[in-house]
Amino acid sequence: MNNPEENNSFEIVEFLVPPEAAGDRLDKYIGKTKEIDLTRSRAQKLFDNGQITIDGKLAERKQILKGGEKLVFKIPPLEKSSVEPENIPLEIIFEDEYLLVINKPAGMVTHPATGHYNGTLVNGLMFYTNNLSRAGGAERAGIVHRLDKNTSGLILVAKDDKTQLYLQKELQERSIKRTYHALICGHVKEEIGEIDLPIGRSLSDRKKMAVTNRHSRTAITTYKLLERYRLYDYLEVNLQTGRTHQIRVHFSHLGHPVFGDPDYGGRLKWHRGIFSADKQFVAKALEMLPRQALHAKSLEFKHPISGEVVLVESDLPEDFNNLLEFVKAEE
């Protein structure tokens, strides 16, 4: 039974663990039960702060349930965001009372971070509407997944906590289809393929990611060849998992960095090996697109309320499209 009540601004939620949960680990059970809506990060904070008890004793994340225990959650109010709203134009591709899909331009940072406290997507969203989920923290403003600063394309944003929790769960279960378009250096061997290589923090540069077996997580990327040019391949890419820099790291590891990628070899490093006669052509191409040629083209997901499949698509930005026309004309 769910009996929330206010106690010194804290919300108290308590209920009994059902018999069928016997054998479950406590943190895993909290993540799937419908008795309480908590993101993984917020549940983690409650454990760390001693704000979850089980039968009157402090709960431990990994303890195994027997069924019938009494769980009590002491939930503090959500923090107020310190992010300043800014009147930043947003390209809204889809919107209803539950969620938004934004077409983020290249060069815009998704969340405020060191060196980027203004001009972010979060700043713009907070100016646009007060109806944004805070389930992932006040600074996230309902954003379900992020894009790198210089990757353009579609981002899902939830307007309420329930929608955000639903979409994050769908993302974790790989039920949301995320399709990208990318121009990569060189040519893939197979026209349709899968890259299944674990990704973790680079040991040589902590700001970058790398294919590694140390402190890594499963990362799966699938792709399909759309067009082949003399020096490059134009691909449709789908994320089966969502690791930081996943597409950029996977293709760089295979020797085919995303064109223009300054961090993973897509600018000068890969191009050092080409014929000198191509230098002028490459210099012009890099000038046309001074970033990675990567665009989040479409999102497909089940609507959290209606259950209907929603497909949202976006056009390639002008700089990416101009680059494709340039390399195509060179054939």
C-alpha atoms as a PDB file:
ATOM      1  CA  MET A   1       0.000   0.000   0.000  1.00  0.00           C
ATOM      2  CA  ASN A   2       1.313   3.400  -0.968  1.00  0.00           C
ATOM      3  CA  ASN A   3       0.756   6.042   1.718  1.00  0.00           C
ATOM      4  CA  PRO A   4       2.676   9.225   0.950  1.00  0.00           C
ATOM      5  CA  GLU A   5       2.602  11.917   3.614  1.00  0.00           C
ATOM      6  CA  GLU A   6       4.529  15.064   4.266  1.00  0.00           C
ATOM      7  CA  ASN A   7       7.009  15.100   7.173  1.00  0.00           C
ATOM      8  CA  ASN A   8       9.256  18.170   7.462  1.00  0.00           C
ATOM      9  CA  SER A   9       9.074  18.615   3.657  1.00  0.00           C
ATOM     10  CA  PHE A  10      10.050  14.993   3.082  1.00  0.00           C
ATOM     11  CA  GLU A  11       7.647  12.643   1.342  1.00  0.00           C
ATOM     12  CA  ILE A  12       7.236   9.299   3.121  1.00  0.00           C
ATOM     13  CA  VAL A  13       6.339   6.317   0.934  1.00  0.00           C
ATOM     14  CA  GLU A  14       5.894   2.866   2.423  1.00  0.00           C
ATOM     15  CA  PHE A  15       4.678  -0.489   1.152  1.00  0.00           C
ATOM     16  CA  LEU A  16       5.157  -4.223   1.620  1.00  0.00           C
ATOM     17  CA  VAL A  17       7.348  -6.285  -0.691  1.00  0.00           C
ATOM     18  CA  PRO A  18       5.099  -8.830  -2.456  1.00  0.00           C
ATOM     19  CA  PRO A  19       5.860 -12.566  -2.132  1.00  0.00           C
ATOM     20  CA  GLU A  20       6.716 -12.832  -5.842  1.00  0.00           C
ATOM     21  CA  ALA A  21       9.687 -10.506  -5.313  1.00  0.00           C
ATOM     22  CA  ALA A  22      11.423 -13.098  -3.115  1.00  0.00           C
ATOM     23  CA  GLY A  23      14.956 -13.649  -4.377  1.00  0.00           C
ATOM     24  CA  ASP A  24      15.225 -10.226  -6.052  1.00  0.00           C
ATOM     25  CA  ARG A  25      18.022  -7.866  -5.151  1.00  0.00           C
ATOM     26  CA  LEU A  26      16.583  -4.763  -3.469  1.00  0.00           C
ATOM     27  CA  ASP A  27      17.959  -2.143  -5.880  1.00  0.00           C
ATOM     28  CA  LYS A  28      16.786  -4.189  -8.895  1.00  0.00           C
ATOM     29  CA  TYR A  29      13.319  -4.544  -7.380  1.00  0.00           C
ATOM     30  CA  ILE A  30      13.051  -0.797  -6.730  1.00  0.00           C
ATOM     31  CA  GLY A  31      13.928  -0.162 -10.366  1.00  0.00           C
ATOM     32  CA  LYS A  32      11.022  -2.241 -11.673  1.00  0.00           C
ATOM     33  CA  THR A  33       8.260  -1.919  -9.077  1.00  0.00           C
ATOM     34  CA  LYS A  34       5.274   0.304  -9.846  1.00  0.00           C
ATOM     35  CA  GLU A  35       4.844   1.173  -6.156  1.00  0.00           C
ATOM     36  CA  ILE A  36       7.336   4.033  -6.476  1.00  0.00           C
ATOM     37  CA  ASP A  37       8.796   6.027  -9.373  1.00  0.00           C
ATOM     38  CA  LEU A  38      12.516   6.668  -8.916  1.00  0.00           C
ATOM     39  CA  THR A  39      15.316   7.051 -11.432  1.00  0.00           C
ATOM     40  CA  ARG A  40      18.382   4.905 -10.814  1.00  0.00           C
ATOM     41  CA  SER A  41      20.453   7.947  -9.805  1.00  0.00           C
ATOM     42  CA  ARG A  42      17.823   9.223  -7.362  1.00  0.00           C
ATOM     43  CA  ALA A  43      17.424   5.781  -5.760  1.00  0.00           C
ATOM     44  CA  GLN A  44      21.220   5.655  -5.416  1.00  0.00           C
ATOM     45  CA  LYS A  45      21.189   8.945  -3.487  1.00  0.00           C
ATOM     46  CA  LEU A  46      18.471   7.665  -1.149  1.00  0.00           C
ATOM     47  CA  PHE A  47      20.575   4.574  -0.375  1.00  0.00           C
ATOM     48  CA  ASP A  48      23.705   6.697   0.157  1.00  0.00           C
ATOM     49  CA  ASN A  49      21.869   9.082   2.509  1.00  0.00           C
ATOM     50  CA  GLY A  50      20.236   6.317   4.549  1.00  0.00           C
ATOM     51  CA  GLN A  51      16.741   7.307   3.414  1.00  0.00           C
ATOM     52  CA  ILE A  52      15.510   3.795   2.645  1.00  0.00           C
ATOM     53  CA  THR A  53      14.739   1.337   5.431  1.00  0.00           C
ATOM     54  CA  ILE A  54      13.590  -2.259   5.338  1.00  0.00           C
ATOM     55  CA  ASP A  55      11.774  -3.563   8.415  1.00  0.00           C
ATOM     56  CA  GLY A  56      13.095  -0.562  10.360  1.00  0.00           C
ATOM     57  CA  LYS A  57      16.780  -1.079   9.451  1.00  0.00           C
ATOM     58  CA  LEU A  58      18.888   0.810   6.944  1.00  0.00           C
ATOM     59  CA  ALA A  59      18.526  -0.851   3.570  1.00  0.00           C
ATOM     60  CA  GLU A  60      21.470  -2.065   1.508  1.00  0.00           C
ATOM     61  CA  ARG A  61      21.345  -2.044  -2.272  1.00  0.00           C
ATOM     62  CA  LYS A  62      22.428  -5.643  -2.756  1.00  0.00           C
ATOM     63  CA  GLN A  63      20.404  -7.340  -0.039  1.00  0.00           C
ATOM     64  CA  ILE A  64      18.164 -10.155  -1.198  1.00  0.00           C
ATOM     65  CA  LEU A  65      14.429  -9.887  -0.552  1.00  0.00           C
ATOM     66  CA  LYS A  66      12.350 -12.622   1.082  1.00  0.00           C
ATOM     67  CA  GLY A  67       8.923 -11.095   0.461  1.00  0.00           C
ATOM     68  CA  GLY A  68       6.697  -9.444   3.066  1.00  0.00           C
ATOM     69  CA  GLU A  69       9.271  -6.888   4.249  1.00  0.00           C
ATOM     70  CA  LYS A  70       8.171  -3.313   4.919  1.00  0.00           C
ATOM     71  CA  LEU A  71       9.985  -0.743   2.769  1.00  0.00           C
ATOM     72  CA  VAL A  72       9.981   2.916   3.804  1.00  0.00           C
ATOM     73  CA  PHE A  73      11.354   5.714   1.627  1.00  0.00           C
ATOM     74  CA  LYS A  74      12.082   9.190   2.996  1.00  0.00           C
ATOM     75  CA  ILE A  75      12.178  11.292  -0.161  1.00  0.00           C
ATOM     76  CA  PRO A  76      13.524  14.850   0.002  1.00  0.00           C
ATOM     77  CA  PRO A  77      12.047  17.524  -2.258  1.00  0.00           C
ATOM     78  CA  LEU A  78      13.650  17.897  -5.667  1.00  0.00           C
ATOM     79  CA  GLU A  79      16.429  20.448  -5.850  1.00  0.00           C
ATOM     80  CA  LYS A  80      15.751  23.722  -7.593  1.00  0.00           C
ATOM     81  CA  SER A  81      17.691  24.173 -10.794  1.00  0.00           C
ATOM     82  CA  SER A  82      20.497  26.729 -10.821  1.00  0.00           C
ATOM     83  CA  VAL A  83      20.358  26.894 -14.625  1.00  0.00           C
ATOM     84  CA  GLU A  84      19.240  30.248 -15.987  1.00  0.00           C
ATOM     85  CA  PRO A  85      16.482  30.161 -18.656  1.00  0.00           C
ATOM     86  CA  GLU A  86      17.610  31.686 -21.959  1.00  0.00           C
ATOM     87  CA  ASN A  87      15.605  32.728 -24.978  1.00  0.00           C
ATOM     88  CA  ILE A  88      17.317  30.346 -27.407  1.00  0.00           C
ATOM     89  CA  PRO A  89      15.447  29.371 -30.602  1.00  0.00           C
ATOM     90  CA  LEU A  90      14.543  25.668 -30.541  1.00  0.00           C
ATOM     91  CA  GLU A  91      13.513  23.596 -33.540  1.00  0.00           C
ATOM     92  CA  ILE A  92      10.653  21.485 -32.155  1.00  0.00           C
ATOM     93  CA  ILE A  93       9.854  18.553 -34.440  1.00  0.00           C
ATOM     94  CA  PHE A  94       7.184  16.936 -32.238  1.00  0.00           C
ATOM     95  CA  GLU A  95       5.293  18.050 -29.143  1.00  0.00           C
ATOM     96  CA  ASP A  96       2.300  17.002 -27.090  1.00  0.00           C
ATOM     97  CA  GLU A  97       1.399  17.337 -23.402  1.00  0.00           C
ATOM     98  CA  TYR A  98       3.798  14.548 -22.411  1.00  0.00           C
ATOM     99  CA  LEU A  99       6.987  15.022 -24.405  1.00  0.00           C
ATOM    100  CA  LEU A 100       8.985  16.992 -26.972  1.00  0.00           C
ATOM    101  CA  VAL A 101      11.455  16.050 -29.681  1.00  0.00           C
ATOM    102  CA  ILE A 102      14.039  18.744 -30.386  1.00  0.00           C
ATOM    103  CA  ASN A 103      16.293  18.965 -33.446  1.00  0.00           C
ATOM    104  CA  LYS A 104      19.556  20.090 -31.820  1.00  0.00           C
ATOM    105  CA  PRO A 105      21.990  22.025 -34.010  1.00  0.00           C
ATOM    106  CA  ALA A 106      25.676  21.168 -34.081  1.00  0.00           C
ATOM    107  CA  GLY A 107      27.653  23.349 -31.681  1.00  0.00           C
ATOM    108  CA  MET A 108      25.005  23.351 -28.939  1.00  0.00           C
ATOM    109  CA  VAL A 109      25.867  21.603 -25.676  1.00  0.00           C
ATOM    110  CA  THR A 110      23.050  19.455 -24.283  1.00  0.00           C
ATOM    111  CA  HIS A 111      23.582  20.020 -20.524  1.00  0.00           C
ATOM    112  CA  PRO A 112      25.434  22.739 -18.617  1.00  0.00           C
ATOM    113  CA  ALA A 113      28.944  21.598 -17.679  1.00  0.00           C
ATOM    114  CA  THR A 114      32.348  23.064 -16.920  1.00  0.00           C
ATOM    115  CA  GLY A 115      32.976  25.810 -19.445  1.00  0.00           C
ATOM    116  CA  HIS A 116      29.414  25.613 -20.806  1.00  0.00           C
ATOM    117  CA  TYR A 117      26.987  27.166 -18.338  1.00  0.00           C
ATOM    118  CA  ASN A 118      25.032  29.168 -20.902  1.00  0.00           C
ATOM    119  CA  GLY A 119      23.656  28.595 -24.357  1.00  0.00           C
ATOM    120  CA  THR A 120      22.855  24.921 -23.745  1.00  0.00           C
ATOM    121  CA  LEU A 121      19.746  23.022 -24.750  1.00  0.00           C
ATOM    122  CA  VAL A 122      18.704  22.946 -21.084  1.00  0.00           C
ATOM    123  CA  ASN A 123      18.871  26.754 -20.885  1.00  0.00           C
ATOM    124  CA  GLY A 124      16.605  27.000 -23.932  1.00  0.00           C
ATOM    125  CA  LEU A 125      14.145  24.387 -22.694  1.00  0.00           C
ATOM    126  CA  MET A 126      13.742  26.120 -19.340  1.00  0.00           C
ATOM    127  CA  PHE A 127      12.834  29.344 -21.117  1.00  0.00           C
ATOM    128  CA  TYR A 128      10.433  27.571 -23.462  1.00  0.00           C
ATOM    129  CA  THR A 129       8.348  25.780 -20.810  1.00  0.00           C
ATOM    130  CA  ASN A 130       7.994  25.172 -17.082  1.00  0.00           C
ATOM    131  CA  ASN A 131       6.576  21.714 -17.767  1.00  0.00           C
ATOM    132  CA  LEU A 132       9.727  19.593 -17.696  1.00  0.00           C
ATOM    133  CA  SER A 133      10.455  16.407 -15.789  1.00  0.00           C
ATOM    134  CA  ARG A 134      12.831  16.643 -12.853  1.00  0.00           C
ATOM    135  CA  ALA A 135      13.079  12.911 -12.265  1.00  0.00           C
ATOM    136  CA  GLY A 136      16.637  12.828 -13.591  1.00  0.00           C
ATOM    137  CA  GLY A 137      17.650  15.902 -11.574  1.00  0.00           C
ATOM    138  CA  ALA A 138      16.803  19.560 -11.911  1.00  0.00           C
ATOM    139  CA  GLU A 139      19.724  20.195 -14.270  1.00  0.00           C
ATOM    140  CA  ARG A 140      18.555  17.619 -16.840  1.00  0.00           C
ATOM    141  CA  ALA A 141      15.246  19.372 -17.603  1.00  0.00           C
ATOM    142  CA  GLY A 142      13.559  16.161 -18.770  1.00  0.00           C
ATOM    143  CA  ILE A 143      16.207  15.227 -21.344  1.00  0.00           C
ATOM    144  CA  VAL A 144      16.081  11.461 -21.850  1.00  0.00           C
ATOM    145  CA  HIS A 145      19.355  11.027 -23.786  1.00  0.00           C
ATOM    146  CA  ARG A 146      22.110  13.402 -24.888  1.00  0.00           C
ATOM    147  CA  LEU A 147      24.034  14.183 -28.052  1.00  0.00           C
ATOM    148  CA  ASP A 148      27.640  15.353 -28.262  1.00  0.00           C
ATOM    149  CA  LYS A 149      28.122  19.086 -28.759  1.00  0.00           C
ATOM    150  CA  ASN A 150      29.065  18.759 -32.435  1.00  0.00           C
ATOM    151  CA  THR A 151      26.583  16.034 -33.327  1.00  0.00           C
ATOM    152  CA  SER A 152      23.310  17.380 -34.694  1.00  0.00           C
ATOM    153  CA  GLY A 153      19.853  15.828 -34.555  1.00  0.00           C
ATOM    154  CA  LEU A 154      16.958  14.581 -32.494  1.00  0.00           C
ATOM    155  CA  ILE A 155      16.704  14.522 -28.694  1.00  0.00           C
ATOM    156  CA  LEU A 156      13.768  13.233 -26.606  1.00  0.00           C
ATOM    157  CA  VAL A 157      12.548  15.434 -23.748  1.00  0.00           C
ATOM    158  CA  ALA A 158       9.950  14.396 -21.136  1.00  0.00           C
ATOM    159  CA  LYS A 159       7.515  16.893 -19.627  1.00  0.00           C
ATOM    160  CA  ASP A 160       6.712  14.876 -16.492  1.00  0.00           C
ATOM    161  CA  ASP A 161       8.495  12.390 -14.255  1.00  0.00           C
ATOM    162  CA  LYS A 162       6.367   9.395 -15.238  1.00  0.00           C
ATOM    163  CA  THR A 163       7.072   9.955 -18.943  1.00  0.00           C
ATOM    164  CA  GLN A 164      10.804  10.308 -18.326  1.00  0.00           C
ATOM    165  CA  LEU A 165      10.980   7.112 -16.271  1.00  0.00           C
ATOM    166  CA  TYR A 166       9.038   5.259 -18.974  1.00  0.00           C
ATOM    167  CA  LEU A 167      11.269   6.511 -21.794  1.00  0.00           C
ATOM    168  CA  GLN A 168      14.472   5.800 -19.870  1.00  0.00           C
ATOM    169  CA  LYS A 169      13.287   2.257 -19.245  1.00  0.00           C
ATOM    170  CA  GLU A 170      12.452   1.842 -22.945  1.00  0.00           C
ATOM    171  CA  LEU A 171      15.935   3.137 -23.760  1.00  0.00           C
ATOM    172  CA  GLN A 172      17.586   0.662 -21.372  1.00  0.00           C
ATOM    173  CA  GLU A 173      15.560  -2.187 -22.858  1.00  0.00           C
ATOM    174  CA  ARG A 174      16.612  -1.096 -26.377  1.00  0.00           C
ATOM    175  CA  SER A 175      13.011  -0.478 -27.413  1.00  0.00           C
ATOM    176  CA  ILE A 176      13.672   3.020 -28.777  1.00  0.00           C
ATOM    177  CA  LYS A 177      15.125   2.964 -32.282  1.00  0.00           C
ATOM    178  CA  ARG A 178      17.742   5.679 -32.814  1.00  0.00           C
ATOM    179  CA  THR A 179      18.972   6.094 -36.379  1.00  0.00           C
ATOM    180  CA  TYR A 180      21.954   8.227 -37.371  1.00  0.00           C
ATOM    181  CA  HIS A 181      23.508   9.197 -40.689  1.00  0.00           C
ATOM    182  CA  ALA A 182      27.297   9.303 -40.826  1.00  0.00           C
ATOM    183  CA  LEU A 183      30.021   9.873 -43.386  1.00  0.00           C
ATOM    184  CA  ILE A 184      33.019   7.719 -42.477  1.00  0.00           C
ATOM    185  CA  CYS A 185      36.571   7.675 -43.806  1.00  0.00           C
ATOM    186  CA  GLY A 186      37.396   4.742 -46.070  1.00  0.00           C
ATOM    187  CA  HIS A 187      35.156   1.791 -46.877  1.00  0.00           C
ATOM    188  CA  VAL A 188      33.492  -0.855 -44.696  1.00  0.00           C
ATOM    189  CA  LYS A 189      34.000  -4.471 -45.788  1.00  0.00           C
ATOM    190  CA  GLU A 190      30.345  -5.464 -45.490  1.00  0.00           C
ATOM    191  CA  GLU A 191      27.436  -3.359 -46.723  1.00  0.00           C
ATOM    192  CA  ILE A 192      25.395  -4.392 -43.652  1.00  0.00           C
ATOM    193  CA  GLY A 193      27.160  -5.096 -40.382  1.00  0.00           C
ATOM    194  CA  GLU A 194      27.240  -5.122 -36.597  1.00  0.00           C
ATOM    195  CA  ILE A 195      29.990  -3.847 -34.312  1.00  0.00           C
ATOM    196  CA  ASP A 196      29.912  -5.541 -30.894  1.00  0.00           C
ATOM    197  CA  LEU A 197      32.883  -4.173 -28.960  1.00  0.00           C
ATOM    198  CA  PRO A 198      32.938  -3.001 -25.303  1.00  0.00           C
ATOM    199  CA  ILE A 199      33.576   0.686 -24.600  1.00  0.00           C
ATOM    200  CA  GLY A 200      35.134   2.272 -21.532  1.00  0.00           C
ATOM    201  CA  ARG A 201      37.158   5.294 -20.502  1.00  0.00           C
ATOM    202  CA  SER A 202      40.433   5.643 -22.434  1.00  0.00           C
ATOM    203  CA  LEU A 203      43.465   4.867 -20.284  1.00  0.00           C
ATOM    204  CA  SER A 204      45.635   7.339 -22.213  1.00  0.00           C
ATOM    205  CA  ASP A 205      43.162  10.247 -22.245  1.00  0.00           C
ATOM    206  CA  ARG A 206      40.427  10.366 -19.593  1.00  0.00           C
ATOM    207  CA  LYS A 207      38.375  12.806 -21.697  1.00  0.00           C
ATOM    208  CA  LYS A 208      37.950  10.168 -24.411  1.00  0.00           C
ATOM    209  CA  MET A 209      36.380   6.738 -24.685  1.00  0.00           C
ATOM    210  CA  ALA A 210      37.940   3.634 -26.237  1.00  0.00           C
ATOM    211  CA  VAL A 211      37.278   0.015 -27.137  1.00  0.00           C
ATOM    212  CA  THR A 212      38.636  -1.785 -24.080  1.00  0.00           C
ATOM    213  CA  ASN A 213      37.945  -4.732 -21.800  1.00  0.00           C
ATOM    214  CA  ARG A 214      38.869  -2.764 -18.672  1.00  0.00           C
ATOM    215  CA  HIS A 215      36.013  -1.097 -16.777  1.00  0.00           C
ATOM    216  CA  SER A 216      33.928  -1.201 -19.944  1.00  0.00           C
ATOM    217  CA  ARG A 217      30.308  -1.825 -20.884  1.00  0.00           C
ATOM    218  CA  THR A 218      28.705  -3.706 -23.749  1.00  0.00           C
ATOM    219  CA  ALA A 219      28.331  -1.533 -26.858  1.00  0.00           C
ATOM    220  CA  ILE A 220      26.555  -2.642 -30.036  1.00  0.00           C
ATOM    221  CA  THR A 221      26.256  -0.597 -33.231  1.00  0.00           C
ATOM    222  CA  THR A 222      24.639  -1.748 -36.489  1.00  0.00           C
ATOM    223  CA  TYR A 223      25.015  -0.084 -39.856  1.00  0.00           C
ATOM    224  CA  LYS A 224      23.919  -0.159 -43.509  1.00  0.00           C
ATOM    225  CA  LEU A 225      25.766   1.336 -46.475  1.00  0.00           C
ATOM    226  CA  LEU A 226      23.722   4.047 -48.203  1.00  0.00           C
ATOM    227  CA  GLU A 227      26.249   5.353 -50.727  1.00  0.00           C
ATOM    228  CA  ARG A 228      29.911   4.712 -51.505  1.00  0.00           C
ATOM    229  CA  TYR A 229      32.191   7.526 -52.658  1.00  0.00           C
ATOM    230  CA  ARG A 230      35.821   7.332 -53.738  1.00  0.00           C
ATOM    231  CA  LEU A 231      37.263   8.112 -50.302  1.00  0.00           C
ATOM    232  CA  TYR A 232      34.269   7.784 -47.993  1.00  0.00           C
ATOM    233  CA  ASP A 233      31.171   5.722 -47.133  1.00  0.00           C
ATOM    234  CA  TYR A 234      27.804   7.249 -46.277  1.00  0.00           C
ATOM    235  CA  LEU A 235      26.072   5.044 -43.688  1.00  0.00           C
ATOM    236  CA  GLU A 236      22.818   4.623 -41.827  1.00  0.00           C
ATOM    237  CA  VAL A 237      23.749   3.695 -38.258  1.00  0.00           C
ATOM    238  CA  ASN A 238      21.587   2.350 -35.426  1.00  0.00           C
ATOM    239  CA  LEU A 239      22.472   2.316 -31.735  1.00  0.00           C
ATOM    240  CA  GLN A 240      21.557  -0.871 -29.894  1.00  0.00           C
ATOM    241  CA  THR A 241      23.197   0.544 -26.750  1.00  0.00           C
ATOM    242  CA  GLY A 242      23.935   4.141 -25.801  1.00  0.00           C
ATOM    243  CA  ARG A 243      27.526   4.533 -24.661  1.00  0.00           C
ATOM    244  CA  THR A 244      29.345   7.866 -24.683  1.00  0.00           C
ATOM    245  CA  HIS A 245      30.789   8.601 -28.178  1.00  0.00           C
ATOM    246  CA  GLN A 246      29.747   5.073 -29.217  1.00  0.00           C
ATOM    247  CA  ILE A 247      29.481   5.541 -32.994  1.00  0.00           C
ATOM    248  CA  ARG A 248      32.613   7.668 -33.147  1.00  0.00           C
ATOM    249  CA  VAL A 249      34.654   5.198 -31.077  1.00  0.00           C
ATOM    250  CA  HIS A 250      33.461   2.061 -32.861  1.00  0.00           C
ATOM    251  CA  PHE A 251      34.205   3.275 -36.381  1.00  0.00           C
ATOM    252  CA  SER A 252      37.506   4.854 -35.345  1.00  0.00           C
ATOM    253  CA  HIS A 253      38.570   1.530 -33.824  1.00  0.00           C
ATOM    254  CA  LEU A 254      37.885  -0.181 -37.162  1.00  0.00           C
ATOM    255  CA  GLY A 255      40.071   2.346 -38.962  1.00  0.00           C
ATOM    256  CA  HIS A 256      37.114   4.292 -40.368  1.00  0.00           C
ATOM    257  CA  PRO A 257      36.692   7.376 -38.169  1.00  0.00           C
ATOM    258  CA  VAL A 258      33.683   9.606 -38.730  1.00  0.00           C
ATOM    259  CA  PHE A 259      34.705  12.292 -41.222  1.00  0.00           C
ATOM    260  CA  GLY A 260      35.757  15.526 -39.523  1.00  0.00           C
ATOM    261  CA  ASP A 261      35.902  14.034 -36.011  1.00  0.00           C
ATOM    262  CA  PRO A 262      38.675  15.976 -34.223  1.00  0.00           C
ATOM    263  CA  ASP A 263      38.892  13.575 -31.271  1.00  0.00           C
ATOM    264  CA  TYR A 264      38.958  10.167 -32.939  1.00  0.00           C
ATOM    265  CA  GLY A 265      41.087  10.659 -36.043  1.00  0.00           C
ATOM    266  CA  GLY A 266      38.570  11.877 -38.620  1.00  0.00           C
ATOM    267  CA  ARG A 267      40.369  15.068 -39.601  1.00  0.00           C
ATOM    268  CA  LEU A 268      44.090  15.052 -40.363  1.00  0.00           C
ATOM    269  CA  LYS A 269      45.174  11.718 -38.871  1.00  0.00           C
ATOM    270  CA  TRP A 270      43.314   9.421 -41.295  1.00  0.00           C
ATOM    271  CA  HIS A 271      43.888  11.728 -44.259  1.00  0.00           C
ATOM    272  CA  ARG A 272      47.689  11.660 -43.929  1.00  0.00           C
ATOM    273  CA  GLY A 273      47.671   8.324 -45.724  1.00  0.00           C
ATOM    274  CA  ILE A 274      45.888   9.437 -48.901  1.00  0.00           C
ATOM    275  CA  PHE A 275      47.460  10.425 -52.197  1.00  0.00           C
ATOM    276  CA  SER A 276      48.933  13.925 -52.321  1.00  0.00           C
ATOM    277  CA  ALA A 277      46.710  14.738 -55.316  1.00  0.00           C
ATOM    278  CA  ASP A 278      43.693  14.564 -52.974  1.00  0.00           C
ATOM    279  CA  LYS A 279      45.045  17.024 -50.400  1.00  0.00           C
ATOM    280  CA  GLN A 280      43.305  20.074 -51.842  1.00  0.00           C
ATOM    281  CA  PHE A 281      39.996  18.222 -52.130  1.00  0.00           C
ATOM    282  CA  VAL A 282      40.198  17.023 -48.527  1.00  0.00           C
ATOM    283  CA  ALA A 283      41.171  20.482 -47.239  1.00  0.00           C
ATOM    284  CA  LYS A 284      38.082  21.937 -48.925  1.00  0.00           C
ATOM    285  CA  ALA A 285      35.839  19.169 -47.519  1.00  0.00           C
ATOM    286  CA  LEU A 286      37.158  19.703 -43.972  1.00  0.00           C
ATOM    287  CA  GLU A 287      36.594  23.438 -44.350  1.00  0.00           C
ATOM    288  CA  MET A 288      32.965  22.812 -45.351  1.00  0.00           C
ATOM    289  CA  LEU A 289      32.253  20.703 -42.247  1.00  0.00           C
ATOM    290  CA  PRO A 290      34.558  21.591 -39.325  1.00  0.00           C
ATOM    291  CA  ARG A 291      32.962  18.936 -37.080  1.00  0.00           C
ATOM    292  CA  GLN A 292      32.094  15.243 -37.172  1.00  0.00           C
ATOM    293  CA  ALA A 293      29.716  14.262 -39.991  1.00  0.00           C
ATOM    294  CA  LEU A 294      27.169  12.666 -37.668  1.00  0.00           C
ATOM    295  CA  HIS A 295      23.447  13.448 -37.454  1.00  0.00           C
ATOM    296  CA  ALA A 296      20.720  11.823 -35.317  1.00  0.00           C
ATOM    297  CA  LYS A 297      18.245  11.390 -38.170  1.00  0.00           C
ATOM    298  CA  SER A 298      15.215   9.648 -36.640  1.00  0.00           C
ATOM    299  CA  LEU A 299      13.621   8.375 -33.433  1.00  0.00           C
ATOM    300  CA  GLU A 300      10.999   5.633 -33.207  1.00  0.00           C
ATOM    301  CA  PHE A 301       9.302   4.794 -29.911  1.00  0.00           C
ATOM    302  CA  LYS A 302       6.026   3.768 -28.306  1.00  0.00           C
ATOM    303  CA  HIS A 303       4.110   6.697 -26.867  1.00  0.00           C
ATOM    304  CA  PRO A 304       4.008   6.445 -23.036  1.00  0.00           C
ATOM    305  CA  ILE A 305       0.227   7.012 -22.890  1.00  0.00           C
ATOM    306  CA  SER A 306      -1.360   5.840 -26.148  1.00  0.00           C
ATOM    307  CA  GLY A 307       1.097   3.036 -26.835  1.00  0.00           C
ATOM    308  CA  GLU A 308       1.099   4.020 -30.498  1.00  0.00           C
ATOM    309  CA  VAL A 309       4.371   3.957 -32.405  1.00  0.00           C
ATOM    310  CA  VAL A 310       5.753   7.469 -32.953  1.00  0.00           C
ATOM    311  CA  LEU A 311       8.284   8.011 -35.762  1.00  0.00           C
ATOM    312  CA  VAL A 312      10.024  11.401 -35.831  1.00  0.00           C
ATOM    313  CA  GLU A 313      12.479  12.305 -38.595  1.00  0.00           C
ATOM    314  CA  SER A 314      14.708  15.277 -39.350  1.00  0.00           C
ATOM    315  CA  ASP A 315      16.490  16.580 -42.431  1.00  0.00           C
ATOM    316  CA  LEU A 316      20.262  16.675 -42.673  1.00  0.00           C
ATOM    317  CA  PRO A 317      21.591  20.096 -41.641  1.00  0.00           C
ATOM    318  CA  GLU A 318      22.849  22.341 -44.417  1.00  0.00           C
ATOM    319  CA  ASP A 319      26.572  21.854 -43.695  1.00  0.00           C
ATOM    320  CA  PHE A 320      26.294  18.047 -43.767  1.00  0.00           C
ATOM    321  CA  ASN A 321      24.155  18.087 -46.909  1.00  0.00           C
ATOM    322  CA  ASN A 322      26.589  20.445 -48.675  1.00  0.00           C
ATOM    323  CA  LEU A 323      29.462  18.118 -47.810  1.00  0.00           C
ATOM    324  CA  LEU A 324      27.655  15.128 -49.337  1.00  0.00           C
ATOM    325  CA  GLU A 325      26.967  17.088 -52.515  1.00  0.00           C
ATOM    326  CA  PHE A 326      30.638  18.080 -52.679  1.00  0.00           C
ATOM    327  CA  VAL A 327      32.050  14.542 -52.325  1.00  0.00           C
ATOM    328  CA  LYS A 328      29.399  13.187 -54.705  1.00  0.00           C
ATOM    329  CA  ALA A 329      30.336  15.747 -57.390  1.00  0.00           C
ATOM    330  CA  GLU A 330      33.988  14.719 -57.090  1.00  0.00           C
ATOM    331  CA  GLU A 331      33.219  11.157 -58.253  1.00  0.00           C
END
